[in-house]
Protein backbone atom coordinates (compact mmCIF):
# COMPACT_ATOMS: atom_id res chain seq x y z
CA MET A 1 79.13 49.72 64.96
CA ILE A 2 81.75 51.17 62.21
CA LEU A 3 79.40 50.20 59.53
CA LEU A 4 76.30 52.12 61.24
CA GLY A 5 78.87 55.36 61.78
CA TYR A 6 79.90 55.42 57.84
CA ALA A 7 75.47 55.10 57.22
CA ALA A 8 75.35 57.68 59.56
CA MET A 9 78.20 59.60 57.79
CA THR A 10 76.61 59.14 54.43
CA ALA A 11 73.16 60.29 55.70
CA LEU A 12 74.53 63.31 57.00
CA GLY A 13 76.17 64.12 53.65
CA LEU A 14 72.75 63.42 51.81
CA LEU A 15 70.76 65.63 53.63
CA PRO A 16 72.47 69.05 51.93
CA LEU A 17 72.39 67.21 48.44
CA ALA A 18 68.67 66.44 48.17
CA ALA A 19 67.64 69.54 49.56
CA LEU A 20 69.89 71.21 46.97
CA ALA A 21 67.71 69.00 44.27
CA ARG A 22 64.68 69.89 45.59
CA MET A 23 65.26 74.12 45.71
CA THR A 24 66.79 73.37 42.30
CA GLY A 25 63.58 71.82 40.88
CA VAL A 26 65.34 68.40 40.27
CA ALA A 27 63.95 66.22 42.66
CA ASP A 28 61.35 64.81 40.37
CA GLU A 29 64.23 63.30 38.05
CA ARG A 30 66.91 62.81 40.47
CA THR A 31 66.72 62.53 44.23
CA PHE A 32 69.93 63.73 45.19
CA LEU A 33 71.31 66.18 42.40
CA PHE A 34 73.78 63.32 41.21
CA PRO A 35 73.23 60.14 40.11
CA THR A 36 72.50 57.69 43.36
CA PHE A 37 75.79 55.50 42.96
CA TYR A 38 78.03 58.73 42.77
CA ALA A 39 75.60 60.62 45.25
CA LEU A 40 76.45 58.07 47.57
CA PHE A 41 80.21 58.38 47.43
CA ILE A 42 80.08 62.30 47.67
CA GLY A 43 77.46 61.98 50.61
CA LEU A 44 80.11 60.04 52.62
CA ALA A 45 83.05 62.74 52.30
CA ILE A 46 80.66 65.70 53.27
CA GLY A 47 79.43 63.41 55.79
CA PHE A 48 83.06 62.62 56.79
CA ALA A 49 84.44 66.54 56.28
CA VAL A 50 81.40 67.35 58.78
CA CYS A 51 81.88 64.76 61.46
CA ALA A 52 85.98 65.96 61.11
CA VAL A 53 84.76 69.35 61.25
CA VAL A 54 82.60 69.10 64.58
CA GLY A 55 84.66 66.63 66.05
CA ARG A 56 87.93 69.29 66.17
CA VAL A 57 85.64 71.90 67.33
CA LEU A 58 84.35 69.74 70.05
CA GLY A 59 88.04 68.71 70.83
CA VAL A 60 87.25 65.18 70.34
CA VAL A 61 89.63 64.61 67.09
CA GLY A 62 93.12 66.02 66.45
CA PRO A 63 94.22 66.41 62.58
CA GLN A 64 96.87 63.93 63.92
CA GLU A 65 94.72 61.43 65.72
CA ILE A 66 92.46 60.14 62.88
CA GLY A 67 94.95 57.43 61.62
CA THR A 68 96.05 56.37 65.17
CA TYR A 69 92.86 55.12 66.64
CA SER A 70 94.04 51.72 67.01
CA GLU A 71 97.54 52.68 68.52
CA ARG A 72 95.57 54.68 71.17
CA TYR A 73 93.08 51.95 71.77
CA LYS A 74 96.03 49.46 72.39
CA SER A 75 97.57 51.87 74.97
CA GLU A 76 94.38 53.15 76.59
CA VAL A 77 93.77 49.35 77.07
CA GLY A 78 97.46 48.00 78.34
CA SER A 79 97.22 51.33 81.17
CA ALA A 80 94.22 50.12 82.46
CA ALA A 81 95.03 46.44 82.36
CA ALA A 82 98.37 47.87 84.35
CA ALA A 83 96.16 49.84 87.09
CA ARG A 84 93.96 46.77 87.40
CA ARG A 85 97.39 44.73 88.27
CA ARG A 86 98.23 47.30 90.64
CA MET A 87 95.00 47.93 92.64
CA ARG A 88 95.14 44.14 93.37
CA PRO A 89 95.68 43.49 97.43
CA ALA A 90 99.19 42.35 97.52
CA HIS A 91 98.51 39.98 100.39
CA SER A 92 96.49 37.47 97.85
CA ARG A 93 98.99 36.79 96.28
CA ILE A 94 101.82 34.31 97.60
CA ARG A 95 105.07 35.72 96.38
CA SER A 96 107.46 32.71 97.64
CA THR A 97 107.41 29.40 99.37
CA ALA A 98 109.36 31.28 102.52
CA ALA A 99 106.11 33.61 103.11
CA ALA A 100 103.45 30.88 103.21
CA PRO A 101 103.02 29.70 106.88
CA PHE A 102 103.26 25.76 106.53
CA THR A 103 103.21 23.64 109.30
CA ARG A 104 103.50 20.18 109.72
CA PHE A 105 102.23 17.54 111.49
CA SER A 106 103.54 14.34 112.52
């Protein structure tokens, strides 16, 4: 999934480079206005910037949250597990042996 995201960002960044190459008339020589190797890196940078701006506008990504995804994921998983534990019915767990009704047959 992560590689698909990087590929989508790169494609999003390569689109304006291809349009610029076509508008300037160098599309016959170079498809992306730069050599392909450099265009991939420039396209990734442009795509990352566009995705960051769109994410910020939509309120999905804040500037302080870009590097903290793994920490946020761990805290969300932990809170979800705690909520599941709280939602379990209490009568299904035997807390002590005194609470369990035992009968002796003799």
